[in-house]
Amino acid sequence: YSFQDTKTPVKTAAASMLLHVILCLLLMYPMGISGLALATAISSYLNLAILAYILRKKIGALGIHKIIKTILKTAASAALSSISAYFLCRELPLNIYLSVFISIFAAVFIFITASKILKSEELEICLNALKRQLKAKN
């Protein structure tokens, strides 16, 4: 859109949708619902890869190393918080609603803490924006 090119994303989306339908038909019988999920993931990643390739040709380097570094930091923080929430919810001797509430709160805390330890730039951007919003309301 910002390049005044609406045809390219539509073409890549159409190709991805076609691939999605084909993969769904191929994978749903041997893998069941997991096959449908896999088909969706593959076609979505293909759409992303094609659009990223086209964008790179138009504007040059995209800073892929920084993007991968960010993805890895976020994935590590998310994995740590998810695993912690899972085990905390399972082991708390409380009713399920309270256990889930506490587990979610703990997961958010762990995610933010892990992101801070890993020095996530995006977390700092989000926290600074939140601080600005809170100051503007006061």
N, C-alpha and C. Protein backbone atom coordinates (compact mmCIF):
# COMPACT_ATOMS: atom_id res chain seq x y z
N TYR A 1 0.83 -1.19 0.00
CA TYR A 1 0.00 0.00 0.00
C TYR A 1 0.87 1.25 0.00
N SER A 2 1.88 1.30 0.85
CA SER A 2 2.69 2.52 0.93
C SER A 2 3.55 2.70 -0.32
N PHE A 3 3.74 1.63 -1.09
CA PHE A 3 4.46 1.75 -2.36
C PHE A 3 3.49 1.95 -3.52
N GLN A 4 2.23 2.15 -3.21
CA GLN A 4 1.18 2.30 -4.23
C GLN A 4 1.10 1.06 -5.12
N ASP A 5 1.34 -0.10 -4.54
CA ASP A 5 1.32 -1.36 -5.26
C ASP A 5 0.41 -2.32 -4.51
N THR A 6 -0.83 -2.39 -4.95
CA THR A 6 -1.77 -3.30 -4.28
C THR A 6 -1.85 -4.64 -5.00
N LYS A 7 -1.33 -4.70 -6.23
CA LYS A 7 -1.43 -5.94 -7.00
C LYS A 7 -0.49 -7.03 -6.46
N THR A 8 0.71 -6.65 -6.08
CA THR A 8 1.68 -7.65 -5.62
C THR A 8 1.20 -8.42 -4.39
N PRO A 9 0.75 -7.74 -3.34
CA PRO A 9 0.26 -8.51 -2.18
C PRO A 9 -0.96 -9.38 -2.51
N VAL A 10 -1.80 -8.90 -3.41
CA VAL A 10 -2.98 -9.70 -3.80
C VAL A 10 -2.54 -10.95 -4.54
N LYS A 11 -1.57 -10.81 -5.43
CA LYS A 11 -1.07 -11.97 -6.19
C LYS A 11 -0.41 -12.99 -5.25
N THR A 12 0.41 -12.51 -4.32
CA THR A 12 1.06 -13.44 -3.40
C THR A 12 0.04 -14.10 -2.48
N ALA A 13 -0.96 -13.34 -2.06
CA ALA A 13 -2.01 -13.92 -1.21
C ALA A 13 -2.80 -14.98 -1.98
N ALA A 14 -3.08 -14.72 -3.24
CA ALA A 14 -3.82 -15.69 -4.06
C ALA A 14 -3.00 -16.97 -4.22
N ALA A 15 -1.70 -16.83 -4.49
CA ALA A 15 -0.83 -18.01 -4.61
C ALA A 15 -0.78 -18.78 -3.30
N SER A 16 -0.70 -18.05 -2.19
CA SER A 16 -0.66 -18.70 -0.88
C SER A 16 -1.98 -19.41 -0.57
N MET A 17 -3.09 -18.80 -0.95
CA MET A 17 -4.39 -19.44 -0.71
C MET A 17 -4.52 -20.71 -1.55
N LEU A 18 -4.05 -20.67 -2.79
CA LEU A 18 -4.08 -21.86 -3.63
C LEU A 18 -3.24 -22.98 -3.02
N LEU A 19 -2.02 -22.62 -2.59
CA LEU A 19 -1.17 -23.59 -1.92
C LEU A 19 -1.84 -24.12 -0.65
N HIS A 20 -2.51 -23.25 0.09
CA HIS A 20 -3.19 -23.64 1.32
C HIS A 20 -4.26 -24.69 1.04
N VAL A 21 -5.06 -24.47 0.02
CA VAL A 21 -6.12 -25.43 -0.32
C VAL A 21 -5.51 -26.77 -0.71
N ILE A 22 -4.47 -26.73 -1.54
CA ILE A 22 -3.82 -27.98 -1.97
C ILE A 22 -3.24 -28.72 -0.77
N LEU A 23 -2.53 -27.99 0.09
CA LEU A 23 -1.92 -28.63 1.27
C LEU A 23 -2.99 -29.17 2.22
N CYS A 24 -4.08 -28.45 2.38
CA CYS A 24 -5.17 -28.94 3.24
C CYS A 24 -5.70 -30.27 2.71
N LEU A 25 -5.91 -30.34 1.40
CA LEU A 25 -6.42 -31.58 0.82
C LEU A 25 -5.41 -32.72 0.96
N LEU A 26 -4.13 -32.39 0.84
CA LEU A 26 -3.11 -33.43 0.95
C LEU A 26 -2.84 -33.88 2.38
N LEU A 27 -2.96 -32.96 3.33
CA LEU A 27 -2.55 -33.26 4.71
C LEU A 27 -3.68 -33.60 5.67
N MET A 28 -4.92 -33.24 5.33
CA MET A 28 -5.98 -33.43 6.32
C MET A 28 -6.31 -34.90 6.56
N TYR A 29 -6.18 -35.74 5.56
CA TYR A 29 -6.51 -37.15 5.79
C TYR A 29 -5.42 -37.89 6.55
N PRO A 30 -4.16 -37.73 6.17
CA PRO A 30 -3.16 -38.47 6.96
C PRO A 30 -2.89 -37.88 8.34
N MET A 31 -3.10 -36.56 8.51
CA MET A 31 -2.72 -35.93 9.78
C MET A 31 -3.91 -35.37 10.57
N GLY A 32 -5.09 -35.37 9.98
CA GLY A 32 -6.26 -34.83 10.67
C GLY A 32 -6.16 -33.32 10.82
N ILE A 33 -6.64 -32.82 11.95
CA ILE A 33 -6.66 -31.38 12.18
C ILE A 33 -5.25 -30.79 12.24
N SER A 34 -4.28 -31.60 12.66
CA SER A 34 -2.88 -31.15 12.67
C SER A 34 -2.40 -30.85 11.26
N GLY A 35 -2.87 -31.61 10.30
CA GLY A 35 -2.52 -31.36 8.90
C GLY A 35 -3.05 -30.02 8.41
N LEU A 36 -4.26 -29.67 8.86
CA LEU A 36 -4.82 -28.37 8.49
C LEU A 36 -4.01 -27.23 9.09
N ALA A 37 -3.60 -27.42 10.33
CA ALA A 37 -2.77 -26.40 10.98
C ALA A 37 -1.42 -26.28 10.28
N LEU A 38 -0.83 -27.40 9.92
CA LEU A 38 0.45 -27.38 9.21
C LEU A 38 0.30 -26.71 7.84
N ALA A 39 -0.77 -27.01 7.14
CA ALA A 39 -1.03 -26.39 5.83
C ALA A 39 -1.14 -24.87 5.97
N THR A 40 -1.84 -24.43 7.00
CA THR A 40 -1.98 -22.99 7.24
C THR A 40 -0.63 -22.35 7.52
N ALA A 41 0.17 -22.99 8.36
CA ALA A 41 1.48 -22.45 8.71
C ALA A 41 2.39 -22.39 7.49
N ILE A 42 2.44 -23.45 6.71
CA ILE A 42 3.31 -23.47 5.53
C ILE A 42 2.91 -22.39 4.54
N SER A 43 1.63 -22.29 4.23
CA SER A 43 1.19 -21.29 3.24
C SER A 43 1.40 -19.87 3.76
N SER A 44 1.23 -19.66 5.04
CA SER A 44 1.46 -18.33 5.62
C SER A 44 2.93 -17.95 5.55
N TYR A 45 3.81 -18.90 5.88
CA TYR A 45 5.24 -18.62 5.81
C TYR A 45 5.70 -18.39 4.37
N LEU A 46 5.11 -19.12 3.43
CA LEU A 46 5.45 -18.89 2.03
C LEU A 46 5.05 -17.48 1.62
N ASN A 47 3.86 -17.05 2.02
CA ASN A 47 3.40 -15.69 1.71
C ASN A 47 4.37 -14.66 2.30
N LEU A 48 4.77 -14.87 3.55
CA LEU A 48 5.74 -13.97 4.19
C LEU A 48 7.06 -13.96 3.44
N ALA A 49 7.56 -15.12 3.07
CA ALA A 49 8.85 -15.21 2.38
C ALA A 49 8.81 -14.50 1.03
N ILE A 50 7.74 -14.70 0.28
CA ILE A 50 7.62 -14.05 -1.03
C ILE A 50 7.56 -12.54 -0.87
N LEU A 51 6.72 -12.07 0.06
CA LEU A 51 6.60 -10.62 0.27
C LEU A 51 7.91 -10.02 0.77
N ALA A 52 8.62 -10.72 1.64
CA ALA A 52 9.91 -10.23 2.13
C ALA A 52 10.93 -10.17 1.00
N TYR A 53 10.93 -11.16 0.13
CA TYR A 53 11.85 -11.17 -1.01
C TYR A 53 11.57 -9.99 -1.93
N ILE A 54 10.31 -9.76 -2.23
CA ILE A 54 9.93 -8.65 -3.11
C ILE A 54 10.28 -7.31 -2.46
N LEU A 55 10.01 -7.18 -1.16
CA LEU A 55 10.33 -5.94 -0.46
C LEU A 55 11.84 -5.71 -0.45
N ARG A 56 12.60 -6.77 -0.24
CA ARG A 56 14.07 -6.64 -0.24
C ARG A 56 14.58 -6.17 -1.59
N LYS A 57 13.97 -6.67 -2.67
CA LYS A 57 14.37 -6.23 -4.00
C LYS A 57 14.05 -4.74 -4.21
N LYS A 58 12.98 -4.26 -3.59
CA LYS A 58 12.57 -2.87 -3.77
C LYS A 58 13.38 -1.90 -2.92
N ILE A 59 13.65 -2.27 -1.66
CA ILE A 59 14.28 -1.29 -0.75
C ILE A 59 15.66 -1.68 -0.27
N GLY A 60 16.11 -2.88 -0.60
CA GLY A 60 17.43 -3.31 -0.13
C GLY A 60 17.32 -4.15 1.14
N ALA A 61 18.43 -4.19 1.86
CA ALA A 61 18.53 -5.04 3.05
C ALA A 61 17.42 -4.73 4.06
N LEU A 62 16.89 -5.79 4.65
CA LEU A 62 15.80 -5.65 5.63
C LEU A 62 16.29 -5.76 7.07
N GLY A 63 17.57 -6.02 7.28
CA GLY A 63 18.08 -6.20 8.63
C GLY A 63 17.64 -7.54 9.21
N ILE A 64 17.76 -8.58 8.40
CA ILE A 64 17.25 -9.90 8.79
C ILE A 64 17.93 -10.45 10.03
N HIS A 65 19.21 -10.12 10.22
CA HIS A 65 19.91 -10.62 11.41
C HIS A 65 19.29 -10.04 12.68
N LYS A 66 18.93 -8.77 12.64
CA LYS A 66 18.29 -8.14 13.80
C LYS A 66 16.90 -8.73 14.03
N ILE A 67 16.20 -9.01 12.95
CA ILE A 67 14.86 -9.60 13.05
C ILE A 67 14.95 -10.99 13.68
N ILE A 68 15.90 -11.79 13.22
CA ILE A 68 16.08 -13.15 13.76
C ILE A 68 16.47 -13.08 15.23
N LYS A 69 17.34 -12.14 15.57
CA LYS A 69 17.75 -11.98 16.97
C LYS A 69 16.54 -11.64 17.84
N THR A 70 15.68 -10.76 17.35
CA THR A 70 14.47 -10.39 18.08
C THR A 70 13.53 -11.59 18.23
N ILE A 71 13.36 -12.35 17.15
CA ILE A 71 12.48 -13.53 17.19
C ILE A 71 12.99 -14.53 18.22
N LEU A 72 14.29 -14.76 18.23
CA LEU A 72 14.86 -15.73 19.18
C LEU A 72 14.70 -15.27 20.63
N LYS A 73 14.91 -13.97 20.89
CA LYS A 73 14.72 -13.46 22.25
C LYS A 73 13.26 -13.58 22.68
N THR A 74 12.36 -13.24 21.78
CA THR A 74 10.93 -13.31 22.10
C THR A 74 10.49 -14.76 22.30
N ALA A 75 10.98 -15.65 21.44
CA ALA A 75 10.62 -17.07 21.56
C ALA A 75 11.14 -17.65 22.87
N ALA A 76 12.35 -17.29 23.25
CA ALA A 76 12.91 -17.79 24.51
C ALA A 76 12.09 -17.30 25.70
N SER A 77 11.74 -16.02 25.69
CA SER A 77 10.93 -15.46 26.78
C SER A 77 9.55 -16.11 26.82
N ALA A 78 8.96 -16.30 25.65
CA ALA A 78 7.63 -16.91 25.58
C ALA A 78 7.66 -18.37 26.04
N ALA A 79 8.69 -19.10 25.63
CA ALA A 79 8.81 -20.51 26.04
C ALA A 79 8.96 -20.62 27.55
N LEU A 80 9.82 -19.79 28.12
CA LEU A 80 10.03 -19.81 29.56
C LEU A 80 8.75 -19.47 30.32
N SER A 81 8.05 -18.44 29.86
CA SER A 81 6.82 -18.05 30.56
C SER A 81 5.72 -19.09 30.38
N SER A 82 5.62 -19.68 29.20
CA SER A 82 4.58 -20.69 28.95
C SER A 82 4.81 -21.95 29.77
N ILE A 83 6.04 -22.41 29.79
CA ILE A 83 6.36 -23.61 30.57
C ILE A 83 6.11 -23.36 32.05
N SER A 84 6.51 -22.20 32.52
CA SER A 84 6.30 -21.84 33.93
C SER A 84 4.81 -21.80 34.26
N ALA A 85 4.03 -21.17 33.39
CA ALA A 85 2.59 -21.08 33.64
C ALA A 85 1.94 -22.46 33.65
N TYR A 86 2.36 -23.31 32.73
CA TYR A 86 1.80 -24.65 32.66
C TYR A 86 2.03 -25.42 33.96
N PHE A 87 3.28 -25.45 34.40
CA PHE A 87 3.59 -26.21 35.61
C PHE A 87 3.01 -25.56 36.86
N LEU A 88 3.00 -24.24 36.90
CA LEU A 88 2.42 -23.54 38.05
C LEU A 88 0.93 -23.84 38.15
N CYS A 89 0.23 -23.78 37.04
CA CYS A 89 -1.21 -24.05 37.04
C CYS A 89 -1.51 -25.49 37.45
N ARG A 90 -0.67 -26.40 37.00
CA ARG A 90 -0.86 -27.82 37.36
C ARG A 90 -0.62 -28.10 38.82
N GLU A 91 0.33 -27.40 39.43
CA GLU A 91 0.77 -27.75 40.78
C GLU A 91 0.13 -26.91 41.88
N LEU A 92 -0.53 -25.81 41.53
CA LEU A 92 -1.16 -25.00 42.58
C LEU A 92 -2.36 -25.75 43.16
N PRO A 93 -2.42 -25.86 44.49
CA PRO A 93 -3.52 -26.58 45.12
C PRO A 93 -4.75 -25.68 45.35
N LEU A 94 -5.13 -24.93 44.33
CA LEU A 94 -6.25 -24.00 44.42
C LEU A 94 -7.31 -24.42 43.41
N ASN A 95 -8.46 -23.73 43.44
CA ASN A 95 -9.45 -24.05 42.41
C ASN A 95 -8.91 -23.60 41.06
N ILE A 96 -9.44 -24.17 40.01
CA ILE A 96 -8.88 -23.99 38.66
C ILE A 96 -8.86 -22.52 38.23
N TYR A 97 -9.89 -21.76 38.57
CA TYR A 97 -9.96 -20.36 38.14
C TYR A 97 -8.86 -19.52 38.78
N LEU A 98 -8.65 -19.72 40.05
CA LEU A 98 -7.60 -18.99 40.75
C LEU A 98 -6.22 -19.44 40.27
N SER A 99 -6.06 -20.73 40.03
CA SER A 99 -4.79 -21.24 39.52
C SER A 99 -4.46 -20.65 38.15
N VAL A 100 -5.45 -20.59 37.28
CA VAL A 100 -5.24 -20.02 35.95
C VAL A 100 -4.89 -18.53 36.05
N PHE A 101 -5.63 -17.80 36.88
CA PHE A 101 -5.37 -16.37 37.05
C PHE A 101 -3.94 -16.13 37.54
N ILE A 102 -3.54 -16.85 38.56
CA ILE A 102 -2.19 -16.69 39.11
C ILE A 102 -1.14 -17.10 38.08
N SER A 103 -1.40 -18.18 37.35
CA SER A 103 -0.45 -18.65 36.34
C SER A 103 -0.27 -17.63 35.22
N ILE A 104 -1.36 -17.01 34.79
CA ILE A 104 -1.27 -16.00 33.73
C ILE A 104 -0.49 -14.79 34.23
N PHE A 105 -0.79 -14.35 35.43
CA PHE A 105 -0.07 -13.21 36.01
C PHE A 105 1.43 -13.52 36.11
N ALA A 106 1.75 -14.73 36.57
CA ALA A 106 3.15 -15.14 36.70
C ALA A 106 3.81 -15.23 35.32
N ALA A 107 3.08 -15.73 34.33
CA ALA A 107 3.64 -15.84 32.98
C ALA A 107 3.98 -14.47 32.40
N VAL A 108 3.10 -13.50 32.60
CA VAL A 108 3.38 -12.14 32.11
C VAL A 108 4.62 -11.59 32.81
N PHE A 109 4.68 -11.77 34.11
CA PHE A 109 5.84 -11.29 34.88
C PHE A 109 7.13 -11.96 34.39
N ILE A 110 7.09 -13.27 34.18
CA ILE A 110 8.27 -14.01 33.71
C ILE A 110 8.66 -13.58 32.31
N PHE A 111 7.67 -13.37 31.45
CA PHE A 111 7.98 -12.92 30.08
C PHE A 111 8.68 -11.57 30.10
N ILE A 112 8.14 -10.63 30.87
CA ILE A 112 8.75 -9.29 30.93
C ILE A 112 10.14 -9.37 31.55
N THR A 113 10.29 -10.15 32.62
CA THR A 113 11.59 -10.28 33.26
C THR A 113 12.62 -10.92 32.32
N ALA A 114 12.23 -11.99 31.66
CA ALA A 114 13.14 -12.65 30.72
C ALA A 114 13.50 -11.71 29.57
N SER A 115 12.54 -10.96 29.08
CA SER A 115 12.80 -10.01 27.99
C SER A 115 13.76 -8.92 28.44
N LYS A 116 13.61 -8.47 29.69
CA LYS A 116 14.54 -7.47 30.23
C LYS A 116 15.94 -8.05 30.36
N ILE A 117 16.05 -9.27 30.85
CA ILE A 117 17.37 -9.92 30.99
C ILE A 117 18.02 -10.09 29.62
N LEU A 118 17.21 -10.43 28.60
CA LEU A 118 17.73 -10.61 27.25
C LEU A 118 17.88 -9.28 26.49
N LYS A 119 17.55 -8.18 27.18
CA LYS A 119 17.68 -6.83 26.62
C LYS A 119 16.90 -6.65 25.33
N SER A 120 15.63 -6.98 25.38
CA SER A 120 14.75 -6.84 24.24
C SER A 120 14.45 -5.36 23.98
N GLU A 121 14.84 -4.87 22.82
CA GLU A 121 14.59 -3.47 22.46
C GLU A 121 13.09 -3.20 22.36
N GLU A 122 12.35 -4.18 21.84
CA GLU A 122 10.91 -4.00 21.65
C GLU A 122 10.18 -3.86 22.97
N LEU A 123 10.64 -4.59 23.98
CA LEU A 123 10.03 -4.46 25.30
C LEU A 123 10.22 -3.04 25.82
N GLU A 124 11.43 -2.52 25.67
CA GLU A 124 11.70 -1.15 26.12
C GLU A 124 10.83 -0.14 25.38
N ILE A 125 10.65 -0.34 24.09
CA ILE A 125 9.78 0.55 23.30
C ILE A 125 8.36 0.50 23.84
N CYS A 126 7.86 -0.69 24.10
CA CYS A 126 6.49 -0.85 24.63
C CYS A 126 6.35 -0.23 26.01
N LEU A 127 7.33 -0.48 26.89
CA LEU A 127 7.27 0.08 28.24
C LEU A 127 7.35 1.59 28.22
N ASN A 128 8.19 2.16 27.35
CA ASN A 128 8.27 3.62 27.24
C ASN A 128 6.97 4.21 26.71
N ALA A 129 6.34 3.55 25.76
CA ALA A 129 5.05 4.02 25.24
C ALA A 129 3.99 3.96 26.33
N LEU A 130 4.00 2.90 27.13
CA LEU A 130 3.05 2.77 28.24
C LEU A 130 3.27 3.88 29.27
N LYS A 131 4.53 4.16 29.57
CA LYS A 131 4.84 5.24 30.52
C LYS A 131 4.33 6.58 30.01
N ARG A 132 4.53 6.84 28.70
CA ARG A 132 4.04 8.10 28.12
C ARG A 132 2.52 8.20 28.22
N GLN A 133 1.84 7.08 27.95
CA GLN A 133 0.38 7.07 28.03
C GLN A 133 -0.11 7.34 29.44
N LEU A 134 0.57 6.72 30.40
CA LEU A 134 0.18 6.92 31.81
C LEU A 134 0.43 8.36 32.26
N LYS A 135 1.53 8.96 31.80
CA LYS A 135 1.83 10.35 32.13
C LYS A 135 0.83 11.29 31.49
N ALA A 136 0.40 10.97 30.27
CA ALA A 136 -0.54 11.83 29.56
C ALA A 136 -1.90 11.83 30.24
N LYS A 137 -2.27 10.72 30.88
CA LYS A 137 -3.56 10.63 31.56
C LYS A 137 -3.55 11.36 32.90
N ASN A 138 -2.37 11.57 33.46
CA ASN A 138 -2.29 12.23 34.77
C ASN A 138 -2.13 13.70 34.63
